Amino acid sequence: MGYVQEARENHVKKKVEEALRSKMKQKALKECDRYTTKYAECASGRTISVVWQCRKQAKELNECLHQYTNDSVLEEMKKAYMLQQNEQGSLRV
């Protein structure tokens, strides 16, 4: 499959893409909740020292979030959305 054809198949409206991104972020935060909590506990009561004192927790949180919020995840969500739309469209005929 060529790049142009694949791009057309995965093309969704801007509003749909924004909704998918939001859903992706919500899932990431849910999946990475324990890392968020660890970072928040480390950061509690700190100001500037957060940068070096909580570096490990921040890195762990970012690595976890990246697993769920990257371009390949978004493309998979777009494909699933398009398949769902095509299935619903074929049921209306």
PDB file of N, CA and C in Angstrom:
ATOM      1  N   MET A   1       0.857  -1.180   0.000  1.00  0.00           N
ATOM      2  CA  MET A   1       0.000   0.000   0.000  1.00  0.00           C
ATOM      3  C   MET A   1       0.896   1.233   0.000  1.00  0.00           C
ATOM      4  N   GLY A   2       0.598   2.164  -0.883  1.00  0.00           N
ATOM      5  CA  GLY A   2       1.391   3.380  -0.986  1.00  0.00           C
ATOM      6  C   GLY A   2       1.096   4.356   0.129  1.00  0.00           C
ATOM      7  N   TYR A   3       2.033   5.263   0.323  1.00  0.00           N
ATOM      8  CA  TYR A   3       1.910   6.256   1.393  1.00  0.00           C
ATOM      9  C   TYR A   3       0.662   7.118   1.216  1.00  0.00           C
ATOM     10  N   VAL A   4       0.407   7.565  -0.030  1.00  0.00           N
ATOM     11  CA  VAL A   4      -0.733   8.449  -0.291  1.00  0.00           C
ATOM     12  C   VAL A   4      -2.046   7.720  -0.003  1.00  0.00           C
ATOM     13  N   GLN A   5      -2.141   6.473  -0.447  1.00  0.00           N
ATOM     14  CA  GLN A   5      -3.360   5.706  -0.218  1.00  0.00           C
ATOM     15  C   GLN A   5      -3.575   5.480   1.286  1.00  0.00           C
ATOM     16  N   GLU A   6      -2.507   5.149   1.993  1.00  0.00           N
ATOM     17  CA  GLU A   6      -2.608   4.935   3.433  1.00  0.00           C
ATOM     18  C   GLU A   6      -3.009   6.229   4.138  1.00  0.00           C
ATOM     19  N   ALA A   7      -2.468   7.346   3.696  1.00  0.00           N
ATOM     20  CA  ALA A   7      -2.809   8.643   4.290  1.00  0.00           C
ATOM     21  C   ALA A   7      -4.285   8.955   4.078  1.00  0.00           C
ATOM     22  N   ARG A   8      -4.811   8.648   2.898  1.00  0.00           N
ATOM     23  CA  ARG A   8      -6.237   8.890   2.631  1.00  0.00           C
ATOM     24  C   ARG A   8      -7.115   8.012   3.518  1.00  0.00           C
ATOM     25  N   GLU A   9      -6.711   6.759   3.693  1.00  0.00           N
ATOM     26  CA  GLU A   9      -7.515   5.843   4.492  1.00  0.00           C
ATOM     27  C   GLU A   9      -7.551   6.241   5.958  1.00  0.00           C
ATOM     28  N   ASN A  10      -6.504   6.877   6.446  1.00  0.00           N
ATOM     29  CA  ASN A  10      -6.434   7.266   7.848  1.00  0.00           C
ATOM     30  C   ASN A  10      -6.815   8.725   8.082  1.00  0.00           C
ATOM     31  N   HIS A  11      -7.265   9.421   7.046  1.00  0.00           N
ATOM     32  CA  HIS A  11      -7.614  10.825   7.184  1.00  0.00           C
ATOM     33  C   HIS A  11      -8.954  10.960   7.912  1.00  0.00           C
ATOM     34  N   VAL A  12      -8.953  11.748   8.962  1.00  0.00           N
ATOM     35  CA  VAL A  12     -10.177  12.038   9.693  1.00  0.00           C
ATOM     36  C   VAL A  12     -10.290  13.547   9.844  1.00  0.00           C
ATOM     37  N   LYS A  13     -11.495  14.004  10.114  1.00  0.00           N
ATOM     38  CA  LYS A  13     -11.712  15.438  10.300  1.00  0.00           C
ATOM     39  C   LYS A  13     -10.949  15.923  11.538  1.00  0.00           C
ATOM     40  N   LYS A  14     -10.639  17.204  11.530  1.00  0.00           N
ATOM     41  CA  LYS A  14      -9.859  17.810  12.615  1.00  0.00           C
ATOM     42  C   LYS A  14     -10.533  17.606  13.977  1.00  0.00           C
ATOM     43  N   LYS A  15     -11.843  17.781  14.037  1.00  0.00           N
ATOM     44  CA  LYS A  15     -12.566  17.606  15.302  1.00  0.00           C
ATOM     45  C   LYS A  15     -12.459  16.169  15.802  1.00  0.00           C
ATOM     46  N   VAL A  16     -12.527  15.220  14.870  1.00  0.00           N
ATOM     47  CA  VAL A  16     -12.417  13.813  15.234  1.00  0.00           C
ATOM     48  C   VAL A  16     -11.014  13.532  15.754  1.00  0.00           C
ATOM     49  N   GLU A  17     -10.011  14.073  15.068  1.00  0.00           N
ATOM     50  CA  GLU A  17      -8.629  13.860  15.509  1.00  0.00           C
ATOM     51  C   GLU A  17      -8.407  14.457  16.898  1.00  0.00           C
ATOM     52  N   GLU A  18      -8.960  15.623  17.147  1.00  0.00           N
ATOM     53  CA  GLU A  18      -8.832  16.246  18.463  1.00  0.00           C
ATOM     54  C   GLU A  18      -9.494  15.383  19.536  1.00  0.00           C
ATOM     55  N   ALA A  19     -10.656  14.822  19.212  1.00  0.00           N
ATOM     56  CA  ALA A  19     -11.351  13.946  20.166  1.00  0.00           C
ATOM     57  C   ALA A  19     -10.541  12.675  20.416  1.00  0.00           C
ATOM     58  N   LEU A  20      -9.949  12.125  19.369  1.00  0.00           N
ATOM     59  CA  LEU A  20      -9.119  10.931  19.529  1.00  0.00           C
ATOM     60  C   LEU A  20      -7.882  11.233  20.362  1.00  0.00           C
ATOM     61  N   ARG A  21      -7.276  12.399  20.134  1.00  0.00           N
ATOM     62  CA  ARG A  21      -6.108  12.799  20.937  1.00  0.00           C
ATOM     63  C   ARG A  21      -6.493  12.933  22.413  1.00  0.00           C
ATOM     64  N   SER A  22      -7.635  13.525  22.669  1.00  0.00           N
ATOM     65  CA  SER A  22      -8.104  13.691  24.037  1.00  0.00           C
ATOM     66  C   SER A  22      -8.327  12.331  24.697  1.00  0.00           C
ATOM     67  N   LYS A  23      -8.951  11.419  23.961  1.00  0.00           N
ATOM     68  CA  LYS A  23      -9.188  10.071  24.465  1.00  0.00           C
ATOM     69  C   LYS A  23      -7.861   9.362  24.740  1.00  0.00           C
ATOM     70  N   MET A  24      -6.894   9.551  23.849  1.00  0.00           N
ATOM     71  CA  MET A  24      -5.570   8.953  23.994  1.00  0.00           C
ATOM     72  C   MET A  24      -4.899   9.472  25.271  1.00  0.00           C
ATOM     73  N   LYS A  25      -4.983  10.771  25.509  1.00  0.00           N
ATOM     74  CA  LYS A  25      -4.372  11.373  26.696  1.00  0.00           C
ATOM     75  C   LYS A  25      -5.043  10.887  27.973  1.00  0.00           C
ATOM     76  N   GLN A  26      -6.378  10.780  27.949  1.00  0.00           N
ATOM     77  CA  GLN A  26      -7.100  10.291  29.122  1.00  0.00           C
ATOM     78  C   GLN A  26      -6.676   8.868  29.471  1.00  0.00           C
ATOM     79  N   LYS A  27      -6.550   8.035  28.444  1.00  0.00           N
ATOM     80  CA  LYS A  27      -6.127   6.657  28.677  1.00  0.00           C
ATOM     81  C   LYS A  27      -4.713   6.629  29.242  1.00  0.00           C
ATOM     82  N   ALA A  28      -3.835   7.458  28.704  1.00  0.00           N
ATOM     83  CA  ALA A  28      -2.451   7.503  29.172  1.00  0.00           C
ATOM     84  C   ALA A  28      -2.394   7.901  30.644  1.00  0.00           C
ATOM     85  N   LEU A  29      -3.136   8.912  31.021  1.00  0.00           N
ATOM     86  CA  LEU A  29      -3.136   9.350  32.416  1.00  0.00           C
ATOM     87  C   LEU A  29      -3.676   8.262  33.336  1.00  0.00           C
ATOM     88  N   LYS A  30      -4.696   7.566  32.872  1.00  0.00           N
ATOM     89  CA  LYS A  30      -5.262   6.467  33.664  1.00  0.00           C
ATOM     90  C   LYS A  30      -4.239   5.338  33.825  1.00  0.00           C
ATOM     91  N   GLU A  31      -3.597   4.961  32.718  1.00  0.00           N
ATOM     92  CA  GLU A  31      -2.631   3.868  32.738  1.00  0.00           C
ATOM     93  C   GLU A  31      -1.380   4.220  33.548  1.00  0.00           C
ATOM     94  N   CYS A  32      -1.031   5.488  33.603  1.00  0.00           N
ATOM     95  CA  CYS A  32       0.205   5.926  34.263  1.00  0.00           C
ATOM     96  C   CYS A  32      -0.062   6.569  35.624  1.00  0.00           C
ATOM     97  N   ASP A  33      -1.205   6.293  36.187  1.00  0.00           N
ATOM     98  CA  ASP A  33      -1.612   6.934  37.437  1.00  0.00           C
ATOM     99  C   ASP A  33      -0.593   6.746  38.553  1.00  0.00           C
ATOM    100  N   ARG A  34      -0.020   5.562  38.672  1.00  0.00           N
ATOM    101  CA  ARG A  34       0.922   5.335  39.775  1.00  0.00           C
ATOM    102  C   ARG A  34       2.173   6.201  39.628  1.00  0.00           C
ATOM    103  N   TYR A  35       2.611   6.441  38.369  1.00  0.00           N
ATOM    104  CA  TYR A  35       3.777   7.298  38.138  1.00  0.00           C
ATOM    105  C   TYR A  35       3.435   8.763  38.406  1.00  0.00           C
ATOM    106  N   THR A  36       2.204   9.143  38.072  1.00  0.00           N
ATOM    107  CA  THR A  36       1.743  10.506  38.345  1.00  0.00           C
ATOM    108  C   THR A  36       1.737  10.750  39.849  1.00  0.00           C
ATOM    109  N   THR A  37       1.239   9.776  40.589  1.00  0.00           N
ATOM    110  CA  THR A  37       1.187   9.882  42.044  1.00  0.00           C
ATOM    111  C   THR A  37       2.589   9.985  42.638  1.00  0.00           C
ATOM    112  N   LYS A  38       3.515   9.144  42.166  1.00  0.00           N
ATOM    113  CA  LYS A  38       4.897   9.187  42.668  1.00  0.00           C
ATOM    114  C   LYS A  38       5.539  10.548  42.397  1.00  0.00           C
ATOM    115  N   TYR A  39       5.298  11.098  41.194  1.00  0.00           N
ATOM    116  CA  TYR A  39       5.863  12.406  40.866  1.00  0.00           C
ATOM    117  C   TYR A  39       5.236  13.495  41.741  1.00  0.00           C
ATOM    118  N   ALA A  40       3.927  13.429  41.915  1.00  0.00           N
ATOM    119  CA  ALA A  40       3.239  14.437  42.730  1.00  0.00           C
ATOM    120  C   ALA A  40       3.718  14.396  44.177  1.00  0.00           C
ATOM    121  N   GLU A  41       3.927  13.193  44.702  1.00  0.00           N
ATOM    122  CA  GLU A  41       4.431  13.059  46.070  1.00  0.00           C
ATOM    123  C   GLU A  41       5.826  13.661  46.194  1.00  0.00           C
ATOM    124  N   CYS A  42       6.668  13.405  45.204  1.00  0.00           N
ATOM    125  CA  CYS A  42       8.024  13.957  45.215  1.00  0.00           C
ATOM    126  C   CYS A  42       7.990  15.486  45.121  1.00  0.00           C
ATOM    127  N   ALA A  43       7.119  16.002  44.281  1.00  0.00           N
ATOM    128  CA  ALA A  43       7.071  17.444  44.026  1.00  0.00           C
ATOM    129  C   ALA A  43       6.398  18.232  45.149  1.00  0.00           C
ATOM    130  N   SER A  44       5.629  17.556  45.960  1.00  0.00           N
ATOM    131  CA  SER A  44       4.881  18.222  47.022  1.00  0.00           C
ATOM    132  C   SER A  44       5.810  18.996  47.958  1.00  0.00           C
ATOM    133  N   GLY A  45       5.529  20.276  48.123  1.00  0.00           N
ATOM    134  CA  GLY A  45       6.301  21.125  49.022  1.00  0.00           C
ATOM    135  C   GLY A  45       7.607  21.646  48.442  1.00  0.00           C
ATOM    136  N   ARG A  46       7.881  21.352  47.200  1.00  0.00           N
ATOM    137  CA  ARG A  46       9.122  21.806  46.570  1.00  0.00           C
ATOM    138  C   ARG A  46       8.819  22.922  45.573  1.00  0.00           C
ATOM    139  N   THR A  47       9.834  23.670  45.256  1.00  0.00           N
ATOM    140  CA  THR A  47       9.699  24.672  44.192  1.00  0.00           C
ATOM    141  C   THR A  47      10.743  24.352  43.124  1.00  0.00           C
ATOM    142  N   ILE A  48      11.798  25.082  43.086  1.00  0.00           N
ATOM    143  CA  ILE A  48      12.820  24.900  42.055  1.00  0.00           C
ATOM    144  C   ILE A  48      13.527  23.550  42.176  1.00  0.00           C
ATOM    145  N   SER A  49      13.662  23.037  43.386  1.00  0.00           N
ATOM    146  CA  SER A  49      14.389  21.777  43.583  1.00  0.00           C
ATOM    147  C   SER A  49      13.691  20.579  42.945  1.00  0.00           C
ATOM    148  N   VAL A  50      12.441  20.751  42.560  1.00  0.00           N
ATOM    149  CA  VAL A  50      11.704  19.677  41.877  1.00  0.00           C
ATOM    150  C   VAL A  50      12.493  19.175  40.668  1.00  0.00           C
ATOM    151  N   VAL A  51      13.140  20.082  39.967  1.00  0.00           N
ATOM    152  CA  VAL A  51      13.851  19.748  38.737  1.00  0.00           C
ATOM    153  C   VAL A  51      14.871  18.652  38.972  1.00  0.00           C
ATOM    154  N   TRP A  52      15.685  18.770  39.995  1.00  0.00           N
ATOM    155  CA  TRP A  52      16.719  17.755  40.209  1.00  0.00           C
ATOM    156  C   TRP A  52      16.313  16.692  41.226  1.00  0.00           C
ATOM    157  N   GLN A  53      15.464  17.039  42.167  1.00  0.00           N
ATOM    158  CA  GLN A  53      15.056  16.061  43.180  1.00  0.00           C
ATOM    159  C   GLN A  53      14.082  15.013  42.637  1.00  0.00           C
ATOM    160  N   CYS A  54      13.291  15.381  41.653  1.00  0.00           N
ATOM    161  CA  CYS A  54      12.254  14.481  41.137  1.00  0.00           C
ATOM    162  C   CYS A  54      12.540  14.050  39.697  1.00  0.00           C
ATOM    163  N   ARG A  55      13.779  14.165  39.284  1.00  0.00           N
ATOM    164  CA  ARG A  55      14.154  13.824  37.907  1.00  0.00           C
ATOM    165  C   ARG A  55      13.777  12.376  37.558  1.00  0.00           C
ATOM    166  N   LYS A  56      14.071  11.451  38.472  1.00  0.00           N
ATOM    167  CA  LYS A  56      13.781  10.032  38.231  1.00  0.00           C
ATOM    168  C   LYS A  56      12.276   9.808  38.045  1.00  0.00           C
ATOM    169  N   GLN A  57      11.472  10.379  38.932  1.00  0.00           N
ATOM    170  CA  GLN A  57      10.019  10.216  38.849  1.00  0.00           C
ATOM    171  C   GLN A  57       9.464  10.852  37.580  1.00  0.00           C
ATOM    172  N   ALA A  58      10.020  12.004  37.211  1.00  0.00           N
ATOM    173  CA  ALA A  58       9.570  12.681  35.986  1.00  0.00           C
ATOM    174  C   ALA A  58       9.895  11.833  34.758  1.00  0.00           C
ATOM    175  N   LYS A  59      11.074  11.257  34.751  1.00  0.00           N
ATOM    176  CA  LYS A  59      11.479  10.414  33.619  1.00  0.00           C
ATOM    177  C   LYS A  59      10.580   9.182  33.513  1.00  0.00           C
ATOM    178  N   GLU A  60      10.307   8.531  34.638  1.00  0.00           N
ATOM    179  CA  GLU A  60       9.425   7.366  34.644  1.00  0.00           C
ATOM    180  C   GLU A  60       8.035   7.730  34.132  1.00  0.00           C
ATOM    181  N   LEU A  61       7.516   8.863  34.591  1.00  0.00           N
ATOM    182  CA  LEU A  61       6.192   9.320  34.156  1.00  0.00           C
ATOM    183  C   LEU A  61       6.187   9.601  32.660  1.00  0.00           C
ATOM    184  N   ASN A  62       7.192  10.317  32.171  1.00  0.00           N
ATOM    185  CA  ASN A  62       7.253  10.630  30.740  1.00  0.00           C
ATOM    186  C   ASN A  62       7.374   9.376  29.879  1.00  0.00           C
ATOM    187  N   GLU A  63       8.169   8.406  30.327  1.00  0.00           N
ATOM    188  CA  GLU A  63       8.310   7.157  29.571  1.00  0.00           C
ATOM    189  C   GLU A  63       6.989   6.409  29.513  1.00  0.00           C
ATOM    190  N   CYS A  64       6.282   6.374  30.627  1.00  0.00           N
ATOM    191  CA  CYS A  64       4.977   5.706  30.655  1.00  0.00           C
ATOM    192  C   CYS A  64       3.988   6.425  29.730  1.00  0.00           C
ATOM    193  N   LEU A  65       3.898   7.745  29.864  1.00  0.00           N
ATOM    194  CA  LEU A  65       2.962   8.508  29.040  1.00  0.00           C
ATOM    195  C   LEU A  65       3.264   8.343  27.553  1.00  0.00           C
ATOM    196  N   HIS A  66       4.537   8.293  27.209  1.00  0.00           N
ATOM    197  CA  HIS A  66       4.915   8.169  25.795  1.00  0.00           C
ATOM    198  C   HIS A  66       4.445   6.843  25.183  1.00  0.00           C
ATOM    199  N   GLN A  67       4.361   5.806  25.996  1.00  0.00           N
ATOM    200  CA  GLN A  67       3.864   4.518  25.499  1.00  0.00           C
ATOM    201  C   GLN A  67       2.441   4.636  24.960  1.00  0.00           C
ATOM    202  N   TYR A  68       1.659   5.523  25.556  1.00  0.00           N
ATOM    203  CA  TYR A  68       0.237   5.655  25.220  1.00  0.00           C
ATOM    204  C   TYR A  68      -0.084   6.895  24.402  1.00  0.00           C
ATOM    205  N   THR A  69       0.885   7.788  24.224  1.00  0.00           N
ATOM    206  CA  THR A  69       0.633   9.037  23.487  1.00  0.00           C
ATOM    207  C   THR A  69       1.719   9.267  22.448  1.00  0.00           C
ATOM    208  N   ASN A  70       1.691   8.486  21.406  1.00  0.00           N
ATOM    209  CA  ASN A  70       2.642   8.692  20.316  1.00  0.00           C
ATOM    210  C   ASN A  70       1.903   8.564  18.988  1.00  0.00           C
ATOM    211  N   ASP A  71       2.586   8.880  17.908  1.00  0.00           N
ATOM    212  CA  ASP A  71       1.945   8.894  16.591  1.00  0.00           C
ATOM    213  C   ASP A  71       1.391   7.538  16.176  1.00  0.00           C
ATOM    214  N   SER A  72       2.089   6.457  16.518  1.00  0.00           N
ATOM    215  CA  SER A  72       1.602   5.141  16.107  1.00  0.00           C
ATOM    216  C   SER A  72       0.306   4.781  16.837  1.00  0.00           C
ATOM    217  N   VAL A  73       0.191   5.172  18.109  1.00  0.00           N
ATOM    218  CA  VAL A  73      -1.051   4.929  18.851  1.00  0.00           C
ATOM    219  C   VAL A  73      -2.189   5.729  18.213  1.00  0.00           C
ATOM    220  N   LEU A  74      -1.920   6.980  17.889  1.00  0.00           N
ATOM    221  CA  LEU A  74      -2.944   7.818  17.258  1.00  0.00           C
ATOM    222  C   LEU A  74      -3.377   7.242  15.917  1.00  0.00           C
ATOM    223  N   GLU A  75      -2.427   6.773  15.117  1.00  0.00           N
ATOM    224  CA  GLU A  75      -2.766   6.173  13.815  1.00  0.00           C
ATOM    225  C   GLU A  75      -3.632   4.934  13.987  1.00  0.00           C
ATOM    226  N   GLU A  76      -3.330   4.129  14.987  1.00  0.00           N
ATOM    227  CA  GLU A  76      -4.152   2.943  15.259  1.00  0.00           C
ATOM    228  C   GLU A  76      -5.566   3.349  15.668  1.00  0.00           C
ATOM    229  N   MET A  77      -5.680   4.390  16.459  1.00  0.00           N
ATOM    230  CA  MET A  77      -6.995   4.878  16.869  1.00  0.00           C
ATOM    231  C   MET A  77      -7.775   5.405  15.665  1.00  0.00           C
ATOM    232  N   LYS A  78      -7.070   6.083  14.753  1.00  0.00           N
ATOM    233  CA  LYS A  78      -7.715   6.581  13.530  1.00  0.00           C
ATOM    234  C   LYS A  78      -8.212   5.419  12.684  1.00  0.00           C
ATOM    235  N   LYS A  79      -7.379   4.383  12.529  1.00  0.00           N
ATOM    236  CA  LYS A  79      -7.785   3.209  11.746  1.00  0.00           C
ATOM    237  C   LYS A  79      -9.027   2.566  12.347  1.00  0.00           C
ATOM    238  N   ALA A  80      -9.026   2.401  13.661  1.00  0.00           N
ATOM    239  CA  ALA A  80     -10.173   1.799  14.339  1.00  0.00           C
ATOM    240  C   ALA A  80     -11.419   2.653  14.140  1.00  0.00           C
ATOM    241  N   TYR A  81     -11.261   3.957  14.222  1.00  0.00           N
ATOM    242  CA  TYR A  81     -12.386   4.869  14.017  1.00  0.00           C
ATOM    243  C   TYR A  81     -12.933   4.743  12.594  1.00  0.00           C
ATOM    244  N   MET A  82     -12.017   4.737  11.622  1.00  0.00           N
ATOM    245  CA  MET A  82     -12.446   4.633  10.221  1.00  0.00           C
ATOM    246  C   MET A  82     -13.140   3.303   9.948  1.00  0.00           C
ATOM    247  N   LEU A  83     -12.627   2.216  10.507  1.00  0.00           N
ATOM    248  CA  LEU A  83     -13.273   0.908  10.344  1.00  0.00           C
ATOM    249  C   LEU A  83     -14.670   0.930  10.937  1.00  0.00           C
ATOM    250  N   GLN A  84     -14.788   1.530  12.106  1.00  0.00           N
ATOM    251  CA  GLN A  84     -16.094   1.634  12.755  1.00  0.00           C
ATOM    252  C   GLN A  84     -17.064   2.445  11.890  1.00  0.00           C
ATOM    253  N   GLN A  85     -16.580   3.553  11.339  1.00  0.00           N
ATOM    254  CA  GLN A  85     -17.418   4.383  10.483  1.00  0.00           C
ATOM    255  C   GLN A  85     -17.828   3.639   9.209  1.00  0.00           C
ATOM    256  N   ASN A  86     -16.894   2.893   8.623  1.00  0.00           N
ATOM    257  CA  ASN A  86     -17.200   2.131   7.413  1.00  0.00           C
ATOM    258  C   ASN A  86     -18.221   1.037   7.698  1.00  0.00           C
ATOM    259  N   GLU A  87     -18.091   0.376   8.845  1.00  0.00           N
ATOM    260  CA  GLU A  87     -19.049  -0.658   9.222  1.00  0.00           C
ATOM    261  C   GLU A  87     -20.430  -0.069   9.435  1.00  0.00           C
ATOM    262  N   GLN A  88     -20.503   1.073  10.089  1.00  0.00           N
ATOM    263  CA  GLN A  88     -21.791   1.725  10.318  1.00  0.00           C
ATOM    264  C   GLN A  88     -22.389   2.198   9.007  1.00  0.00           C
ATOM    265  N   GLY A  89     -21.543   2.671   8.106  1.00  0.00           N
ATOM    266  CA  GLY A  89     -22.006   3.124   6.791  1.00  0.00           C
ATOM    267  C   GLY A  89     -22.558   1.982   5.960  1.00  0.00           C
ATOM    268  N   SER A  90     -21.934   0.820   6.050  1.00  0.00           N
ATOM    269  CA  SER A  90     -22.396  -0.326   5.261  1.00  0.00           C
ATOM    270  C   SER A  90     -23.677  -0.907   5.839  1.00  0.00           C
ATOM    271  N   LEU A  91     -23.949  -0.687   7.113  1.00  0.00           N
ATOM    272  CA  LEU A  91     -25.181  -1.167   7.723  1.00  0.00           C
ATOM    273  C   LEU A  91     -26.370  -0.331   7.312  1.00  0.00           C
ATOM    274  N   ARG A  92     -26.135   0.919   6.932  1.00  0.00           N
ATOM    275  CA  ARG A  92     -27.227   1.820   6.547  1.00  0.00           C
ATOM    276  C   ARG A  92     -27.757   1.546   5.152  1.00  0.00           C
ATOM    277  N   VAL A  93     -27.008   0.868   4.338  1.00  0.00           N
ATOM    278  CA  VAL A  93     -27.377   0.657   2.945  1.00  0.00           C
ATOM    279  C   VAL A  93     -28.555  -0.254   2.801  1.00  0.00           C
TER     280      VAL A  93
END
